[in-house]
Each structure stands twice: as C-alpha cells, then as structure tokens.
C-alpha cells in the first residue's frame, strides 16, 4: 500500500477465479464469500475508488457469482463489459460465433465420455476444463482441440487458444483482452484514477502490461515470468490486502507493519 498515492482515487481491476475466490475442481462451485462481497461494496462505495472484476467467465455468469451492484464487470476476457454507464461487446467476436460453435460441437463429439473433462459454453468463446481428469488426459484434450481447429476451413484460423490453470480457452484471435477492457473502462472515468490490478493467471498478464509503469500491478502467487511490479504469496493474502486497502481508503489504520 505504500506505493499508493493519497491524492488520486483508485481504479481496482480484480481477477475472479484464483484471486477473489479459490480455484475449485468444479468451476460451478465458485462464488465470492460474504466478507469479499462486503469489501467490494465498501471499496466501490468509498467515494475514492471504482471496482472492476475481469474474468474469462461469461458476463452473465460473472455477475451471478459476485452480485455486487455499482461495479464494472468484464466477462469473456474483456469481450463483454457492463457497469455504470458502460455497455460494450467487442464486434469482431460476434462475427466469429458460428465458427466457435462448430469447433465446440466437434470437440464435444471427440471428448464425449472422458471423465473429468467439461466444456463451458460462453457467448463469444468456450473453455475446455480438465481439472478433474487424470494427468494423462491433458495430452488427449490438447490433441483433440488441435484436430478440431485444423478441421475448420478457415486458414489461418481466426481463433486462438489461451492456456490457463487446467483449462484451455478458445476465443476470437484479436488484440482485445483484459488489459484492453481495463483501458476502455479507465477512458470513461471522469477523474485521474490510479489503476491497481490483481490477478493470478497468465491471462492477467495483459492487465499488468496495460498499466506497466502507470499503476500498481500485483501478481497473486509468486512467478518469475510476470510483468507485475508486486506480488502476494497466494490467494490467501488477497482478503487481507483488500481489507487494508478498504481501511486506507476510509481513513482508518493502514497496513500493519
């Protein structure tokens, strides 16, 4: 917190899975707890900060799992954004939905019946989860995805594959990402906000790069390959970070030394 500027309001950009909530074997079980919900409400209502949650999940799913009014939500890695005065869908993603549906259907046939593998359908992407599958299944999942993409007539493929923690995300090949979504939100704020970013996965690196040298970027979990300027040792430190940040914003005692 020593890196924060008391004269500037804060724009908090927070990842969901692995940051605000623990990663679970079944992604459908992930919701924020009551304390995190209370902190997000308090932070966004402080008058000195705005809060945005960015995720690979669909916008509708993300809103359901957080359910805090008055904050910004960016789903599908930033392809969909909703918040105070903001409604955005990345147009190129809309045009590729038929191709995404075709690849997803092909994968469902190829991977049907494999225990621990689940396809999560989203409006403008889909995720291939294999957290509950045996270790040897990962190779088969990657091969099936490669074959499904290769079978499509478009070349080179207008789709890209993003690798996460036991998940492969198939989305439109575009320069738009979580970092782009955060910059889009920042451009619509009426003051000079200081960005503060928290994330734990490779897809959050676009967020850190977007504000490199311009804000406070925090990797959740130590990693040598990160553009973040700071790090927390693990997700278990996130609630304390948010709590102390909330106290600092409300003029109460700051970080304990």
C-alpha atoms as a PDB file:
ATOM      1  CA  UNK A   1       0.000   0.000   0.000  1.00  0.00           C
ATOM      2  CA  UNK A   2       2.996   2.294   0.361  1.00  0.00           C
ATOM      3  CA  UNK A   3       3.005   2.629  -3.453  1.00  0.00           C
ATOM      4  CA  UNK A   4      -0.431   4.279  -3.488  1.00  0.00           C
ATOM      5  CA  UNK A   5      -0.941   7.990  -3.985  1.00  0.00           C
ATOM      6  CA  UNK A   6      -3.268   9.515  -1.404  1.00  0.00           C
ATOM      7  CA  UNK A   7      -4.180  12.333  -3.818  1.00  0.00           C
ATOM      8  CA  UNK A   8      -5.533  10.069  -6.581  1.00  0.00           C
ATOM      9  CA  UNK A   9      -8.683   7.925  -6.490  1.00  0.00           C
ATOM     10  CA  UNK A  10      -8.158   4.244  -7.275  1.00  0.00           C
ATOM     11  CA  UNK A  11      -9.446   2.054 -10.090  1.00  0.00           C
ATOM     12  CA  UNK A  12      -9.310  -1.543  -8.859  1.00  0.00           C
ATOM     13  CA  UNK A  13      -9.121  -4.246 -11.540  1.00  0.00           C
ATOM     14  CA  UNK A  14      -9.540  -7.681  -9.978  1.00  0.00           C
ATOM     15  CA  UNK A  15      -9.464 -11.171 -11.446  1.00  0.00           C
ATOM     16  CA  UNK A  16     -12.118 -13.629 -10.217  1.00  0.00           C
ATOM     17  CA  UNK A  17     -11.025 -17.299 -10.198  1.00  0.00           C
ATOM     18  CA  UNK A  18      -7.838 -17.725  -8.177  1.00  0.00           C
ATOM     19  CA  UNK A  19      -7.933 -14.138  -6.925  1.00  0.00           C
ATOM     20  CA  UNK A  20     -11.304 -13.237  -5.415  1.00  0.00           C
ATOM     21  CA  UNK A  21     -12.260 -16.881  -4.973  1.00  0.00           C
ATOM     22  CA  UNK A  22     -10.256 -20.103  -4.689  1.00  0.00           C
ATOM     23  CA  UNK A  23      -9.932 -22.265  -7.786  1.00  0.00           C
ATOM     24  CA  UNK A  24     -12.109 -25.342  -7.354  1.00  0.00           C
ATOM     25  CA  UNK A  25     -12.283 -28.687  -9.102  1.00  0.00           C
ATOM     26  CA  UNK A  26     -15.785 -27.773 -10.267  1.00  0.00           C
ATOM     27  CA  UNK A  27     -15.839 -24.150 -11.551  1.00  0.00           C
ATOM     28  CA  UNK A  28     -19.576 -24.101 -10.939  1.00  0.00           C
ATOM     29  CA  UNK A  29     -18.932 -24.067  -7.190  1.00  0.00           C
ATOM     30  CA  UNK A  30     -17.032 -20.764  -7.224  1.00  0.00           C
ATOM     31  CA  UNK A  31     -18.763 -17.792  -5.587  1.00  0.00           C
ATOM     32  CA  UNK A  32     -17.350 -14.925  -3.561  1.00  0.00           C
ATOM     33  CA  UNK A  33     -17.842 -15.267   0.186  1.00  0.00           C
ATOM     34  CA  UNK A  34     -19.763 -12.759   2.310  1.00  0.00           C
ATOM     35  CA  UNK A  35     -16.641 -10.954   3.513  1.00  0.00           C
ATOM     36  CA  UNK A  36     -15.324 -10.437  -0.027  1.00  0.00           C
ATOM     37  CA  UNK A  37     -18.742  -9.180  -1.113  1.00  0.00           C
ATOM     38  CA  UNK A  38     -18.790  -6.754   1.819  1.00  0.00           C
ATOM     39  CA  UNK A  39     -15.312  -5.482   0.919  1.00  0.00           C
ATOM     40  CA  UNK A  40     -16.190  -4.954  -2.756  1.00  0.00           C
ATOM     41  CA  UNK A  41     -19.281  -2.965  -1.737  1.00  0.00           C
ATOM     42  CA  UNK A  42     -17.299  -0.907   0.742  1.00  0.00           C
ATOM     43  CA  UNK A  43     -14.465  -0.241  -1.723  1.00  0.00           C
ATOM     44  CA  UNK A  44     -16.829   0.815  -4.508  1.00  0.00           C
ATOM     45  CA  UNK A  45     -18.852   2.956  -2.089  1.00  0.00           C
ATOM     46  CA  UNK A  46     -15.864   4.737  -0.563  1.00  0.00           C
ATOM     47  CA  UNK A  47     -16.101   7.668  -2.961  1.00  0.00           C
ATOM     48  CA  UNK A  48     -12.368   7.265  -3.590  1.00  0.00           C
ATOM     49  CA  UNK A  49     -12.348   4.178  -5.806  1.00  0.00           C
ATOM     50  CA  UNK A  50     -14.145   2.250  -8.517  1.00  0.00           C
ATOM     51  CA  UNK A  51     -14.098  -1.543  -8.736  1.00  0.00           C
ATOM     52  CA  UNK A  52     -13.976  -3.755 -11.831  1.00  0.00           C
ATOM     53  CA  UNK A  53     -13.865  -7.566 -11.905  1.00  0.00           C
ATOM     54  CA  UNK A  54     -12.445  -9.157 -15.060  1.00  0.00           C
ATOM     55  CA  UNK A  55     -12.734 -12.834 -15.913  1.00  0.00           C
ATOM     56  CA  UNK A  56     -12.701 -15.434 -18.624  1.00  0.00           C
ATOM     57  CA  UNK A  57     -16.205 -16.377 -17.499  1.00  0.00           C
ATOM     58  CA  UNK A  58     -19.202 -15.078 -19.403  1.00  0.00           C
ATOM     59  CA  UNK A  59     -20.544 -11.726 -18.273  1.00  0.00           C
ATOM     60  CA  UNK A  60     -23.827 -13.221 -17.080  1.00  0.00           C
ATOM     61  CA  UNK A  61     -22.072 -15.952 -15.102  1.00  0.00           C
ATOM     62  CA  UNK A  62     -19.644 -13.475 -13.543  1.00  0.00           C
ATOM     63  CA  UNK A  63     -22.409 -11.122 -12.411  1.00  0.00           C
ATOM     64  CA  UNK A  64     -24.329 -14.023 -10.874  1.00  0.00           C
ATOM     65  CA  UNK A  65     -21.335 -15.212  -8.838  1.00  0.00           C
ATOM     66  CA  UNK A  66     -20.478 -11.771  -7.437  1.00  0.00           C
ATOM     67  CA  UNK A  67     -23.803  -9.914  -7.337  1.00  0.00           C
ATOM     68  CA  UNK A  68     -22.411  -6.583  -6.150  1.00  0.00           C
ATOM     69  CA  UNK A  69     -24.204  -3.566  -7.669  1.00  0.00           C
ATOM     70  CA  UNK A  70     -22.429  -0.452  -8.849  1.00  0.00           C
ATOM     71  CA  UNK A  71     -19.201  -2.092 -10.041  1.00  0.00           C
ATOM     72  CA  UNK A  72     -17.858  -2.932 -13.507  1.00  0.00           C
ATOM     73  CA  UNK A  73     -17.932  -6.485 -14.849  1.00  0.00           C
ATOM     74  CA  UNK A  74     -15.808  -7.630 -17.807  1.00  0.00           C
ATOM     75  CA  UNK A  75     -16.542 -11.157 -18.998  1.00  0.00           C
ATOM     76  CA  UNK A  76     -15.071 -13.386 -21.715  1.00  0.00           C
ATOM     77  CA  UNK A  77     -11.596 -11.883 -21.141  1.00  0.00           C
ATOM     78  CA  UNK A  78     -12.968  -8.402 -21.714  1.00  0.00           C
ATOM     79  CA  UNK A  79     -15.071  -9.078 -24.818  1.00  0.00           C
ATOM     80  CA  UNK A  80     -18.201  -8.127 -22.819  1.00  0.00           C
ATOM     81  CA  UNK A  81     -18.294  -5.216 -20.381  1.00  0.00           C
ATOM     82  CA  UNK A  82     -21.102  -3.869 -18.231  1.00  0.00           C
ATOM     83  CA  UNK A  83     -21.047  -1.292 -15.447  1.00  0.00           C
ATOM     84  CA  UNK A  84     -22.069   2.252 -14.530  1.00  0.00           C
ATOM     85  CA  UNK A  85     -22.766   3.941 -17.869  1.00  0.00           C
ATOM     86  CA  UNK A  86     -20.991   1.202 -19.860  1.00  0.00           C
ATOM     87  CA  UNK A  87     -22.391  -1.480 -22.181  1.00  0.00           C
ATOM     88  CA  UNK A  88     -19.838  -2.989 -24.556  1.00  0.00           C
ATOM     89  CA  UNK A  89     -19.474  -6.048 -26.792  1.00  0.00           C
ATOM     90  CA  UNK A  90     -16.400  -6.470 -28.992  1.00  0.00           C
ATOM     91  CA  UNK A  91     -17.874  -6.629 -32.510  1.00  0.00           C
ATOM     92  CA  UNK A  92     -15.293  -8.921 -34.186  1.00  0.00           C
ATOM     93  CA  UNK A  93     -16.162 -11.577 -31.611  1.00  0.00           C
ATOM     94  CA  UNK A  94     -19.806 -11.540 -32.687  1.00  0.00           C
ATOM     95  CA  UNK A  95     -18.919 -12.405 -36.296  1.00  0.00           C
ATOM     96  CA  UNK A  96     -16.943 -15.498 -35.259  1.00  0.00           C
ATOM     97  CA  UNK A  97     -19.645 -17.075 -33.109  1.00  0.00           C
ATOM     98  CA  UNK A  98     -20.752 -19.591 -35.828  1.00  0.00           C
ATOM     99  CA  UNK A  99     -17.166 -20.855 -36.178  1.00  0.00           C
ATOM    100  CA  UNK A 100     -16.765 -21.107 -32.410  1.00  0.00           C
ATOM    101  CA  UNK A 101     -19.974 -23.120 -32.197  1.00  0.00           C
ATOM    102  CA  UNK A 102     -18.759 -25.500 -34.915  1.00  0.00           C
ATOM    103  CA  UNK A 103     -15.420 -26.139 -33.146  1.00  0.00           C
ATOM    104  CA  UNK A 104     -17.154 -26.608 -29.814  1.00  0.00           C
ATOM    105  CA  UNK A 105     -19.594 -29.144 -31.285  1.00  0.00           C
ATOM    106  CA  UNK A 106     -16.732 -31.054 -32.882  1.00  0.00           C
ATOM    107  CA  UNK A 107     -14.890 -31.168 -29.571  1.00  0.00           C
ATOM    108  CA  UNK A 108     -17.964 -32.367 -27.717  1.00  0.00           C
ATOM    109  CA  UNK A 109     -18.090 -35.372 -30.071  1.00  0.00           C
ATOM    110  CA  UNK A 110     -14.354 -36.075 -29.778  1.00  0.00           C
ATOM    111  CA  UNK A 111     -14.211 -35.789 -25.992  1.00  0.00           C
ATOM    112  CA  UNK A 112     -17.618 -37.119 -25.032  1.00  0.00           C
ATOM    113  CA  UNK A 113     -17.446 -39.616 -22.199  1.00  0.00           C
ATOM    114  CA  UNK A 114     -13.974 -38.696 -20.917  1.00  0.00           C
ATOM    115  CA  UNK A 115     -14.225 -38.370 -17.162  1.00  0.00           C
ATOM    116  CA  UNK A 116     -13.251 -35.026 -15.679  1.00  0.00           C
ATOM    117  CA  UNK A 117     -13.454 -33.071 -18.958  1.00  0.00           C
ATOM    118  CA  UNK A 118     -16.086 -30.355 -19.304  1.00  0.00           C
ATOM    119  CA  UNK A 119     -16.819 -27.773 -21.994  1.00  0.00           C
ATOM    120  CA  UNK A 120     -18.063 -24.410 -20.728  1.00  0.00           C
ATOM    121  CA  UNK A 121     -20.028 -22.531 -23.370  1.00  0.00           C
ATOM    122  CA  UNK A 122     -19.861 -18.742 -23.385  1.00  0.00           C
ATOM    123  CA  UNK A 123     -21.336 -16.123 -25.732  1.00  0.00           C
ATOM    124  CA  UNK A 124     -18.063 -15.399 -27.579  1.00  0.00           C
ATOM    125  CA  UNK A 125     -15.699 -18.181 -26.526  1.00  0.00           C
ATOM    126  CA  UNK A 126     -15.661 -21.533 -24.816  1.00  0.00           C
ATOM    127  CA  UNK A 127     -13.487 -23.139 -22.170  1.00  0.00           C
ATOM    128  CA  UNK A 128     -12.236 -26.699 -22.050  1.00  0.00           C
ATOM    129  CA  UNK A 129     -11.801 -27.688 -18.395  1.00  0.00           C
ATOM    130  CA  UNK A 130      -9.830 -30.792 -17.457  1.00  0.00           C
ATOM    131  CA  UNK A 131      -9.061 -30.125 -13.790  1.00  0.00           C
ATOM    132  CA  UNK A 132     -10.931 -33.250 -12.717  1.00  0.00           C
ATOM    133  CA  UNK A 133      -9.300 -35.516 -15.325  1.00  0.00           C
ATOM    134  CA  UNK A 134      -6.305 -37.847 -14.868  1.00  0.00           C
ATOM    135  CA  UNK A 135      -2.921 -36.324 -15.708  1.00  0.00           C
ATOM    136  CA  UNK A 136      -2.575 -38.363 -18.898  1.00  0.00           C
ATOM    137  CA  UNK A 137      -5.841 -36.906 -20.218  1.00  0.00           C
ATOM    138  CA  UNK A 138      -4.323 -33.447 -20.774  1.00  0.00           C
ATOM    139  CA  UNK A 139      -2.405 -34.615 -23.853  1.00  0.00           C
ATOM    140  CA  UNK A 140      -5.529 -36.165 -25.359  1.00  0.00           C
ATOM    141  CA  UNK A 141      -7.503 -32.977 -24.707  1.00  0.00           C
ATOM    142  CA  UNK A 142      -4.884 -30.812 -26.424  1.00  0.00           C
ATOM    143  CA  UNK A 143      -4.689 -33.175 -29.394  1.00  0.00           C
ATOM    144  CA  UNK A 144      -8.467 -33.193 -29.787  1.00  0.00           C
ATOM    145  CA  UNK A 145      -8.558 -29.399 -29.715  1.00  0.00           C
ATOM    146  CA  UNK A 146      -5.761 -29.158 -32.289  1.00  0.00           C
ATOM    147  CA  UNK A 147      -7.609 -31.562 -34.610  1.00  0.00           C
ATOM    148  CA  UNK A 148     -10.927 -29.755 -34.200  1.00  0.00           C
ATOM    149  CA  UNK A 149      -9.332 -26.427 -35.134  1.00  0.00           C
ATOM    150  CA  UNK A 150      -7.410 -27.966 -38.057  1.00  0.00           C
ATOM    151  CA  UNK A 151     -10.639 -29.416 -39.447  1.00  0.00           C
ATOM    152  CA  UNK A 152     -12.146 -25.967 -39.972  1.00  0.00           C
ATOM    153  CA  UNK A 153     -11.910 -24.476 -43.497  1.00  0.00           C
ATOM    154  CA  UNK A 154     -10.589 -21.085 -42.423  1.00  0.00           C
ATOM    155  CA  UNK A 155      -6.805 -20.778 -42.666  1.00  0.00           C
ATOM    156  CA  UNK A 156      -5.073 -19.347 -40.817  1.00  0.00           C
ATOM    157  CA  UNK A 157      -7.555 -19.890 -38.008  1.00  0.00           C
ATOM    158  CA  UNK A 158      -9.241 -16.705 -36.759  1.00  0.00           C
ATOM    159  CA  UNK A 159      -9.415 -18.379 -33.343  1.00  0.00           C
ATOM    160  CA  UNK A 160      -6.778 -18.514 -30.644  1.00  0.00           C
ATOM    161  CA  UNK A 161      -6.146 -20.834 -27.712  1.00  0.00           C
ATOM    162  CA  UNK A 162      -5.299 -19.383 -24.298  1.00  0.00           C
ATOM    163  CA  UNK A 163      -3.798 -21.650 -21.663  1.00  0.00           C
ATOM    164  CA  UNK A 164      -4.826 -21.326 -18.033  1.00  0.00           C
ATOM    165  CA  UNK A 165      -4.718 -23.482 -14.923  1.00  0.00           C
ATOM    166  CA  UNK A 166      -6.098 -26.836 -16.131  1.00  0.00           C
ATOM    167  CA  UNK A 167      -8.186 -25.042 -18.748  1.00  0.00           C
ATOM    168  CA  UNK A 168      -7.886 -24.209 -22.444  1.00  0.00           C
ATOM    169  CA  UNK A 169      -9.852 -21.210 -23.693  1.00  0.00           C
ATOM    170  CA  UNK A 170     -10.824 -20.890 -27.357  1.00  0.00           C
ATOM    171  CA  UNK A 171     -11.675 -17.339 -28.385  1.00  0.00           C
ATOM    172  CA  UNK A 172     -11.505 -14.990 -31.383  1.00  0.00           C
ATOM    173  CA  UNK A 173      -7.946 -14.134 -32.364  1.00  0.00           C
ATOM    174  CA  UNK A 174      -7.928 -10.451 -31.524  1.00  0.00           C
ATOM    175  CA  UNK A 175      -5.669  -7.967 -29.793  1.00  0.00           C
ATOM    176  CA  UNK A 176      -8.532  -7.193 -27.412  1.00  0.00           C
ATOM    177  CA  UNK A 177      -8.002  -8.684 -23.929  1.00  0.00           C
ATOM    178  CA  UNK A 178      -8.378  -7.976 -20.211  1.00  0.00           C
ATOM    179  CA  UNK A 179      -5.887  -5.132 -20.478  1.00  0.00           C
ATOM    180  CA  UNK A 180      -7.864  -3.580 -23.342  1.00  0.00           C
ATOM    181  CA  UNK A 181     -11.071  -3.835 -21.301  1.00  0.00           C
ATOM    182  CA  UNK A 182      -9.427  -2.140 -18.321  1.00  0.00           C
ATOM    183  CA  UNK A 183      -8.148   0.698 -20.518  1.00  0.00           C
ATOM    184  CA  UNK A 184     -11.646   1.043 -22.022  1.00  0.00           C
ATOM    185  CA  UNK A 185     -13.115   1.461 -18.543  1.00  0.00           C
ATOM    186  CA  UNK A 186     -10.353   3.871 -17.485  1.00  0.00           C
ATOM    187  CA  UNK A 187     -11.052   6.082 -20.506  1.00  0.00           C
ATOM    188  CA  UNK A 188     -14.635   6.525 -19.324  1.00  0.00           C
ATOM    189  CA  UNK A 189     -13.848   7.615 -15.795  1.00  0.00           C
ATOM    190  CA  UNK A 190     -14.156  11.308 -15.030  1.00  0.00           C
ATOM    191  CA  UNK A 191     -11.038  11.677 -12.864  1.00  0.00           C
ATOM    192  CA  UNK A 192      -7.355  10.745 -12.939  1.00  0.00           C
ATOM    193  CA  UNK A 193      -7.600   7.310 -11.335  1.00  0.00           C
ATOM    194  CA  UNK A 194      -4.602   5.247 -10.276  1.00  0.00           C
ATOM    195  CA  UNK A 195      -5.027   1.663 -11.546  1.00  0.00           C
ATOM    196  CA  UNK A 196      -4.472  -1.164  -9.052  1.00  0.00           C
ATOM    197  CA  UNK A 197      -4.543  -4.637 -10.619  1.00  0.00           C
ATOM    198  CA  UNK A 198      -4.648  -8.107  -9.039  1.00  0.00           C
ATOM    199  CA  UNK A 199      -4.504 -11.405 -10.928  1.00  0.00           C
ATOM    200  CA  UNK A 200      -3.081 -14.902 -10.659  1.00  0.00           C
ATOM    201  CA  UNK A 201      -3.079 -16.372 -14.177  1.00  0.00           C
ATOM    202  CA  UNK A 202      -1.295 -15.923 -17.492  1.00  0.00           C
ATOM    203  CA  UNK A 203      -4.317 -14.119 -18.975  1.00  0.00           C
ATOM    204  CA  UNK A 204      -3.908 -11.431 -16.303  1.00  0.00           C
ATOM    205  CA  UNK A 205      -0.509 -10.504 -17.704  1.00  0.00           C
ATOM    206  CA  UNK A 206      -2.261  -8.359 -20.344  1.00  0.00           C
ATOM    207  CA  UNK A 207      -3.696  -6.372 -17.446  1.00  0.00           C
ATOM    208  CA  UNK A 208      -0.264  -5.870 -15.895  1.00  0.00           C
ATOM    209  CA  UNK A 209       1.267  -4.878 -19.236  1.00  0.00           C
ATOM    210  CA  UNK A 210      -1.504  -2.346 -19.916  1.00  0.00           C
ATOM    211  CA  UNK A 211      -0.513  -0.415 -16.791  1.00  0.00           C
ATOM    212  CA  UNK A 212       3.202  -1.155 -16.647  1.00  0.00           C
ATOM    213  CA  UNK A 213       4.857   1.887 -15.094  1.00  0.00           C
ATOM    214  CA  UNK A 214       1.471   3.594 -14.747  1.00  0.00           C
ATOM    215  CA  UNK A 215      -0.122   1.818 -11.813  1.00  0.00           C
ATOM    216  CA  UNK A 216       0.190  -0.795  -9.085  1.00  0.00           C
ATOM    217  CA  UNK A 217       0.201  -4.312 -10.532  1.00  0.00           C
ATOM    218  CA  UNK A 218       0.089  -7.330  -8.213  1.00  0.00           C
ATOM    219  CA  UNK A 219       0.568 -10.972  -9.144  1.00  0.00           C
ATOM    220  CA  UNK A 220      -1.255 -13.368  -6.822  1.00  0.00           C
ATOM    221  CA  UNK A 221       1.259 -16.177  -6.259  1.00  0.00           C
ATOM    222  CA  UNK A 222       4.939 -15.672  -6.902  1.00  0.00           C
ATOM    223  CA  UNK A 223       6.039 -16.099 -10.514  1.00  0.00           C
ATOM    224  CA  UNK A 224       9.300 -15.241 -12.209  1.00  0.00           C
ATOM    225  CA  UNK A 225       7.507 -14.713 -15.509  1.00  0.00           C
ATOM    226  CA  UNK A 226       5.302 -11.741 -14.763  1.00  0.00           C
ATOM    227  CA  UNK A 227       5.010  -8.093 -15.746  1.00  0.00           C
ATOM    228  CA  UNK A 228       3.574  -7.262 -12.317  1.00  0.00           C
ATOM    229  CA  UNK A 229       5.567  -4.977 -10.074  1.00  0.00           C
ATOM    230  CA  UNK A 230       4.475  -6.656  -6.847  1.00  0.00           C
ATOM    231  CA  UNK A 231       3.165  -9.999  -5.692  1.00  0.00           C
ATOM    232  CA  UNK A 232       1.164 -11.649  -2.935  1.00  0.00           C
ATOM    233  CA  UNK A 233       2.333 -15.081  -1.820  1.00  0.00           C
ATOM    234  CA  UNK A 234      -1.028 -16.654  -2.607  1.00  0.00           C
ATOM    235  CA  UNK A 235      -4.769 -16.171  -2.804  1.00  0.00           C
ATOM    236  CA  UNK A 236      -4.991 -16.446   0.977  1.00  0.00           C
ATOM    237  CA  UNK A 237      -3.407 -12.963   1.192  1.00  0.00           C
ATOM    238  CA  UNK A 238      -5.995 -11.299  -1.071  1.00  0.00           C
ATOM    239  CA  UNK A 239      -8.695 -10.754   1.615  1.00  0.00           C
ATOM    240  CA  UNK A 240      -6.175  -9.052   3.900  1.00  0.00           C
ATOM    241  CA  UNK A 241      -4.935  -6.857   1.028  1.00  0.00           C
ATOM    242  CA  UNK A 242      -8.490  -5.762   0.187  1.00  0.00           C
ATOM    243  CA  UNK A 243      -9.346  -5.215   3.855  1.00  0.00           C
ATOM    244  CA  UNK A 244      -6.298  -2.990   4.460  1.00  0.00           C
ATOM    245  CA  UNK A 245      -6.937  -1.155   1.206  1.00  0.00           C
ATOM    246  CA  UNK A 246     -10.519  -0.527   2.328  1.00  0.00           C
ATOM    247  CA  UNK A 247      -9.288   0.794   5.684  1.00  0.00           C
ATOM    248  CA  UNK A 248      -6.774   3.047   3.926  1.00  0.00           C
ATOM    249  CA  UNK A 249      -9.458   4.463   1.635  1.00  0.00           C
ATOM    250  CA  UNK A 250     -11.794   5.155   4.523  1.00  0.00           C
ATOM    251  CA  UNK A 251      -9.063   6.889   6.505  1.00  0.00           C
ATOM    252  CA  UNK A 252      -8.748   4.152   9.076  1.00  0.00           C
ATOM    253  CA  UNK A 253      -5.463   2.458  10.051  1.00  0.00           C
ATOM    254  CA  UNK A 254      -3.448   1.319   7.034  1.00  0.00           C
ATOM    255  CA  UNK A 255      -1.105  -1.652   6.656  1.00  0.00           C
ATOM    256  CA  UNK A 256       0.190  -3.347   9.754  1.00  0.00           C
ATOM    257  CA  UNK A 257       3.986  -3.491   9.850  1.00  0.00           C
END
